[in-house]
């Protein structure tokens, strides 16, 4: 299995029953360069996109909790 770094999305198209998402990554001097294309069959697109949304929301929740814990630890350290 190969891995692809995605810094952004260039275009999203739908053709012949396939959702095509052209992805880009930052190259030298911050220039965009193609990094790959996600090909998602239309029948699976909703499930795949919903899974990405759910994973992103979970990540955001965990990051928020970590930031709150770090803030609480910093406050406790100042009191001592």
N, C-alpha and C. Protein backbone atom coordinates (compact mmCIF):
# COMPACT_ATOMS: atom_id res chain seq x y z
N UNK A 1 0.85 -1.17 0.00
CA UNK A 1 0.00 0.00 0.00
C UNK A 1 0.90 1.24 0.00
N UNK A 2 0.57 2.18 -0.84
CA UNK A 2 1.35 3.41 -0.88
C UNK A 2 0.67 4.49 -0.06
N UNK A 3 1.46 5.47 0.37
CA UNK A 3 0.93 6.61 1.13
C UNK A 3 1.13 7.87 0.31
N UNK A 4 0.18 8.77 0.44
CA UNK A 4 0.23 10.03 -0.29
C UNK A 4 -0.03 11.17 0.68
N UNK A 5 0.84 12.16 0.67
CA UNK A 5 0.65 13.35 1.48
C UNK A 5 -0.28 14.29 0.73
N UNK A 6 -1.31 14.78 1.42
CA UNK A 6 -2.26 15.69 0.81
C UNK A 6 -2.27 16.98 1.61
N UNK A 7 -1.84 18.07 1.01
CA UNK A 7 -1.90 19.38 1.66
C UNK A 7 -3.13 20.16 1.22
N UNK A 8 -3.74 19.73 0.14
CA UNK A 8 -4.92 20.42 -0.35
C UNK A 8 -5.60 19.65 -1.46
N UNK A 9 -6.73 20.19 -1.88
CA UNK A 9 -7.50 19.60 -2.97
C UNK A 9 -7.55 20.60 -4.11
N UNK A 10 -7.18 20.15 -5.28
CA UNK A 10 -7.16 21.02 -6.47
C UNK A 10 -8.53 21.04 -7.14
N UNK A 11 -9.04 19.87 -7.50
CA UNK A 11 -10.34 19.80 -8.17
C UNK A 11 -11.08 18.55 -7.74
N UNK A 12 -12.39 18.64 -7.82
CA UNK A 12 -13.26 17.49 -7.57
C UNK A 12 -14.18 17.37 -8.77
N UNK A 13 -14.17 16.20 -9.40
CA UNK A 13 -15.03 15.99 -10.56
C UNK A 13 -15.75 14.66 -10.42
N UNK A 14 -16.83 14.54 -11.16
CA UNK A 14 -17.59 13.29 -11.18
C UNK A 14 -17.72 12.88 -12.64
N UNK A 15 -17.20 11.69 -12.97
CA UNK A 15 -17.21 11.24 -14.36
C UNK A 15 -17.34 9.72 -14.38
N UNK A 16 -18.23 9.23 -15.20
CA UNK A 16 -18.42 7.77 -15.36
C UNK A 16 -18.64 7.05 -14.03
N UNK A 17 -19.42 7.65 -13.14
CA UNK A 17 -19.75 7.00 -11.89
C UNK A 17 -18.63 6.98 -10.87
N UNK A 18 -17.62 7.82 -11.07
CA UNK A 18 -16.49 7.86 -10.14
C UNK A 18 -16.25 9.30 -9.70
N UNK A 19 -16.16 9.50 -8.38
CA UNK A 19 -15.79 10.80 -7.83
C UNK A 19 -14.27 10.87 -7.85
N UNK A 20 -13.74 11.88 -8.51
CA UNK A 20 -12.28 12.03 -8.64
C UNK A 20 -11.85 13.28 -7.90
N UNK A 21 -10.95 13.10 -6.95
CA UNK A 21 -10.46 14.21 -6.14
C UNK A 21 -8.97 14.35 -6.40
N UNK A 22 -8.59 15.41 -7.12
CA UNK A 22 -7.18 15.67 -7.43
C UNK A 22 -6.55 16.39 -6.25
N UNK A 23 -5.54 15.77 -5.68
CA UNK A 23 -4.89 16.27 -4.48
C UNK A 23 -3.55 16.91 -4.82
N UNK A 24 -3.14 17.85 -3.97
CA UNK A 24 -1.86 18.52 -4.15
C UNK A 24 -1.08 18.50 -2.84
N UNK A 25 0.22 18.66 -2.97
CA UNK A 25 1.11 18.78 -1.83
C UNK A 25 2.01 19.99 -2.07
N UNK A 26 2.52 20.56 -1.01
CA UNK A 26 3.42 21.70 -1.13
C UNK A 26 4.80 21.20 -1.55
N UNK A 27 5.31 21.81 -2.60
CA UNK A 27 6.64 21.46 -3.08
C UNK A 27 7.64 22.52 -2.65
N UNK A 28 8.81 22.54 -3.26
CA UNK A 28 9.80 23.56 -2.95
C UNK A 28 9.21 24.95 -3.18
N UNK A 29 9.59 25.88 -2.33
CA UNK A 29 9.11 27.27 -2.40
C UNK A 29 7.59 27.36 -2.32
N UNK A 30 6.98 26.39 -1.62
CA UNK A 30 5.52 26.35 -1.43
C UNK A 30 4.72 26.26 -2.73
N UNK A 31 5.31 25.79 -3.79
CA UNK A 31 4.56 25.62 -5.03
C UNK A 31 3.73 24.34 -4.93
N UNK A 32 2.53 24.38 -5.48
CA UNK A 32 1.67 23.21 -5.48
C UNK A 32 2.17 22.21 -6.50
N UNK A 33 2.14 20.95 -6.12
CA UNK A 33 2.46 19.88 -7.06
C UNK A 33 1.45 18.76 -6.86
N UNK A 34 1.05 18.12 -7.94
CA UNK A 34 0.09 17.02 -7.81
C UNK A 34 0.65 15.91 -6.92
N UNK A 35 -0.20 15.39 -6.03
CA UNK A 35 0.27 14.31 -5.16
C UNK A 35 -0.51 13.02 -5.38
N UNK A 36 -1.61 13.09 -6.12
CA UNK A 36 -2.37 11.88 -6.38
C UNK A 36 -3.83 12.20 -6.59
N UNK A 37 -4.58 11.21 -7.00
CA UNK A 37 -6.01 11.36 -7.23
C UNK A 37 -6.75 10.28 -6.46
N UNK A 38 -7.70 10.71 -5.65
CA UNK A 38 -8.58 9.75 -4.98
C UNK A 38 -9.68 9.38 -5.95
N UNK A 39 -9.90 8.12 -6.15
CA UNK A 39 -10.96 7.63 -7.02
C UNK A 39 -11.95 6.87 -6.16
N UNK A 40 -13.16 7.42 -6.03
CA UNK A 40 -14.16 6.83 -5.16
C UNK A 40 -15.39 6.50 -5.98
N UNK A 41 -15.78 5.22 -6.07
CA UNK A 41 -17.00 4.89 -6.80
C UNK A 41 -18.19 5.66 -6.21
N UNK A 42 -19.05 6.17 -7.05
CA UNK A 42 -20.17 6.99 -6.61
C UNK A 42 -21.00 6.30 -5.54
N UNK A 43 -21.19 5.01 -5.68
CA UNK A 43 -22.01 4.27 -4.73
C UNK A 43 -21.39 4.26 -3.33
N UNK A 44 -20.08 4.48 -3.22
CA UNK A 44 -19.38 4.48 -1.94
C UNK A 44 -19.04 5.89 -1.45
N UNK A 45 -19.25 6.90 -2.28
CA UNK A 45 -18.78 8.26 -1.96
C UNK A 45 -19.35 8.78 -0.64
N UNK A 46 -20.65 8.61 -0.42
CA UNK A 46 -21.26 9.13 0.80
C UNK A 46 -20.64 8.50 2.04
N UNK A 47 -20.46 7.18 2.04
CA UNK A 47 -19.89 6.50 3.19
C UNK A 47 -18.44 6.92 3.43
N UNK A 48 -17.67 7.01 2.35
CA UNK A 48 -16.26 7.39 2.49
C UNK A 48 -16.14 8.82 3.02
N UNK A 49 -16.88 9.74 2.44
CA UNK A 49 -16.81 11.13 2.88
C UNK A 49 -17.31 11.28 4.31
N UNK A 50 -18.37 10.56 4.69
CA UNK A 50 -18.87 10.62 6.06
C UNK A 50 -17.84 10.07 7.04
N UNK A 51 -17.14 9.03 6.66
CA UNK A 51 -16.09 8.47 7.52
C UNK A 51 -14.97 9.50 7.72
N UNK A 52 -14.62 10.23 6.68
CA UNK A 52 -13.60 11.29 6.81
C UNK A 52 -14.08 12.41 7.72
N UNK A 53 -15.32 12.81 7.58
CA UNK A 53 -15.89 13.85 8.44
C UNK A 53 -15.88 13.38 9.90
N UNK A 54 -16.32 12.16 10.15
CA UNK A 54 -16.35 11.62 11.52
C UNK A 54 -14.95 11.55 12.11
N UNK A 55 -13.98 11.11 11.33
CA UNK A 55 -12.60 11.02 11.82
C UNK A 55 -12.04 12.40 12.13
N UNK A 56 -12.37 13.38 11.30
CA UNK A 56 -11.90 14.75 11.52
C UNK A 56 -12.52 15.33 12.79
N UNK A 57 -13.81 15.09 13.00
CA UNK A 57 -14.47 15.58 14.21
C UNK A 57 -13.88 14.94 15.46
N UNK A 58 -13.56 13.66 15.40
CA UNK A 58 -12.95 12.96 16.53
C UNK A 58 -11.55 13.52 16.81
N UNK A 59 -10.79 13.77 15.77
CA UNK A 59 -9.46 14.35 15.93
C UNK A 59 -9.55 15.73 16.58
N UNK A 60 -10.48 16.54 16.10
CA UNK A 60 -10.67 17.88 16.67
C UNK A 60 -11.02 17.80 18.16
N UNK A 61 -11.89 16.86 18.52
CA UNK A 61 -12.28 16.67 19.91
C UNK A 61 -11.07 16.30 20.77
N UNK A 62 -10.26 15.38 20.29
CA UNK A 62 -9.07 14.95 21.04
C UNK A 62 -8.07 16.09 21.19
N UNK A 63 -7.86 16.86 20.14
CA UNK A 63 -6.93 17.98 20.21
C UNK A 63 -7.42 19.03 21.20
N UNK A 64 -8.73 19.29 21.20
CA UNK A 64 -9.31 20.25 22.14
C UNK A 64 -9.12 19.76 23.58
N UNK A 65 -9.35 18.47 23.83
CA UNK A 65 -9.17 17.90 25.17
C UNK A 65 -7.71 18.00 25.62
N UNK A 66 -6.78 17.73 24.70
CA UNK A 66 -5.36 17.83 25.03
C UNK A 66 -4.98 19.26 25.37
N UNK A 67 -5.51 20.22 24.61
CA UNK A 67 -5.22 21.63 24.87
C UNK A 67 -5.77 22.05 26.23
N UNK A 68 -6.97 21.58 26.57
CA UNK A 68 -7.56 21.89 27.87
C UNK A 68 -6.75 21.29 29.00
N UNK A 69 -6.27 20.06 28.82
CA UNK A 69 -5.45 19.41 29.84
C UNK A 69 -4.12 20.14 30.01
N UNK A 70 -3.53 20.56 28.90
CA UNK A 70 -2.27 21.29 28.97
C UNK A 70 -2.47 22.63 29.67
N UNK A 71 -3.59 23.29 29.38
CA UNK A 71 -3.89 24.56 30.06
C UNK A 71 -4.09 24.37 31.54
N UNK A 72 -4.79 23.31 31.93
CA UNK A 72 -5.02 23.02 33.35
C UNK A 72 -3.70 22.69 34.04
N UNK A 73 -2.84 21.94 33.38
CA UNK A 73 -1.54 21.59 33.96
C UNK A 73 -0.67 22.84 34.12
N UNK A 74 -0.73 23.74 33.15
CA UNK A 74 0.05 24.98 33.24
C UNK A 74 -0.44 25.83 34.40
N UNK A 75 -1.76 25.90 34.59
CA UNK A 75 -2.33 26.67 35.71
C UNK A 75 -1.90 26.06 37.04
N UNK A 76 -1.95 24.73 37.12
CA UNK A 76 -1.57 24.04 38.36
C UNK A 76 -0.09 24.27 38.65
N UNK A 77 0.73 24.31 37.62
CA UNK A 77 2.16 24.55 37.80
C UNK A 77 2.46 25.95 38.30
N UNK A 78 1.67 26.93 37.89
CA UNK A 78 1.87 28.32 38.34
C UNK A 78 1.46 28.50 39.78
N UNK A 79 0.47 27.71 40.25
CA UNK A 79 0.00 27.82 41.62
C UNK A 79 1.03 27.27 42.62
N UNK A 80 1.84 26.31 42.17
CA UNK A 80 2.81 25.67 43.06
C UNK A 80 4.06 26.42 43.15
